[in-house]
């Protein structure tokens, strides 16, 4: 009898250890999944921010050119200017 109750006690303890280990693995997997999702979200935000910055620079370049063209500061059909170390050349065909 001592053996069988000791075996049952040890068997239940082993099941508890396995359940605890399984819960621990599941927590680690969930944490890793959250980490990957956050990384993907931040990469998408960075892409969107870069696209928005590019569009803004294009708008500023167009507005700057138009302002210069309207005020008569541009006497040729070609215009080049520099914004944030990016040279933009616009050619007007008339």
Protein backbone atom coordinates (compact mmCIF):
# COMPACT_ATOMS: atom_id res chain seq x y z
CA UNK A 1 0.00 0.00 0.00
CA UNK A 2 2.73 2.45 0.75
CA UNK A 3 4.13 1.91 -2.67
CA UNK A 4 0.89 2.50 -4.51
CA UNK A 5 -0.01 5.70 -2.59
CA UNK A 6 3.54 6.96 -3.09
CA UNK A 7 3.28 6.13 -6.79
CA UNK A 8 -0.06 7.93 -7.10
CA UNK A 9 1.32 10.94 -5.28
CA UNK A 10 4.40 10.99 -7.51
CA UNK A 11 2.26 10.45 -10.62
CA UNK A 12 0.02 13.43 -9.75
CA UNK A 13 3.07 15.55 -9.03
CA UNK A 14 4.47 14.63 -12.46
CA UNK A 15 1.21 15.69 -14.10
CA UNK A 16 1.31 19.00 -12.26
CA UNK A 17 4.89 19.58 -13.43
CA UNK A 18 3.90 18.80 -17.03
CA UNK A 19 0.91 21.14 -16.82
CA UNK A 20 3.10 23.90 -15.38
CA UNK A 21 5.70 23.39 -18.12
CA UNK A 22 2.98 23.43 -20.80
CA UNK A 23 1.56 26.69 -19.42
CA UNK A 24 5.05 28.18 -19.36
CA UNK A 25 5.69 27.19 -22.99
CA UNK A 26 2.32 28.61 -24.03
CA UNK A 27 3.13 31.92 -22.30
CA UNK A 28 6.50 32.10 -24.07
CA UNK A 29 4.90 31.33 -27.44
CA UNK A 30 2.22 33.99 -26.87
CA UNK A 31 4.90 36.53 -25.91
CA UNK A 32 6.90 35.70 -29.05
CA UNK A 33 3.79 36.08 -31.21
CA UNK A 34 3.03 39.49 -29.66
CA UNK A 35 6.64 40.53 -30.26
CA UNK A 36 6.46 39.52 -33.95
CA UNK A 37 3.12 41.30 -34.41
CA UNK A 38 4.51 44.47 -32.83
CA UNK A 39 7.57 44.34 -35.08
CA UNK A 40 5.37 43.94 -38.17
CA UNK A 41 3.16 46.84 -37.02
CA UNK A 42 6.17 49.11 -36.50
CA UNK A 43 7.63 48.21 -39.91
CA UNK A 44 4.30 49.08 -41.56
CA UNK A 45 4.21 52.39 -39.70
CA UNK A 46 7.77 53.17 -40.87
CA UNK A 47 6.81 52.41 -44.48
CA UNK A 48 3.72 54.60 -44.24
CA UNK A 49 5.75 57.42 -42.69
CA UNK A 50 8.40 57.21 -45.45
CA UNK A 51 5.70 57.28 -48.13
CA UNK A 52 4.02 60.29 -46.52
CA UNK A 53 7.36 62.12 -46.31
CA UNK A 54 8.05 61.42 -49.99
CA UNK A 55 4.64 62.76 -51.01
CA UNK A 56 5.11 65.84 -48.85
CA UNK A 57 8.51 66.56 -50.41
CA UNK A 58 6.99 66.23 -53.88
CA UNK A 59 4.22 68.68 -52.96
CA UNK A 60 6.70 71.17 -51.53
CA UNK A 61 8.87 70.87 -54.65
CA UNK A 62 5.89 71.46 -56.93
CA UNK A 63 4.69 74.44 -54.87
CA UNK A 64 8.18 75.94 -54.81
CA UNK A 65 8.54 75.57 -58.56
CA UNK A 66 5.06 76.99 -59.22
CA UNK A 67 5.72 79.96 -56.95
CA UNK A 68 8.98 80.71 -58.76
CA UNK A 69 7.42 80.25 -62.16
CA UNK A 70 4.47 82.52 -61.39
CA UNK A 71 6.65 85.28 -59.97
CA UNK A 72 8.83 85.20 -63.07
CA UNK A 73 12.00 84.06 -61.33
CA UNK A 74 12.31 81.28 -63.84
CA UNK A 75 12.99 82.46 -67.39
CA UNK A 76 13.77 79.09 -68.92
CA UNK A 77 11.72 75.99 -69.47
CA UNK A 78 13.98 74.01 -67.14
CA UNK A 79 14.03 74.44 -63.39
CA UNK A 80 16.22 72.70 -60.83
CA UNK A 81 16.16 73.18 -57.11
CA UNK A 82 17.34 71.33 -54.07
CA UNK A 83 15.19 70.19 -51.16
CA UNK A 84 16.77 68.14 -48.37
CA UNK A 85 19.79 67.32 -50.56
CA UNK A 86 17.53 66.00 -53.31
CA UNK A 87 17.89 67.79 -56.62
CA UNK A 88 14.63 68.08 -58.50
CA UNK A 89 14.57 69.10 -62.13
CA UNK A 90 11.33 70.06 -63.83
CA UNK A 91 11.09 70.56 -67.57
CA UNK A 92 8.15 72.49 -69.00
CA UNK A 93 7.21 71.73 -72.58
CA UNK A 94 5.35 74.60 -74.21
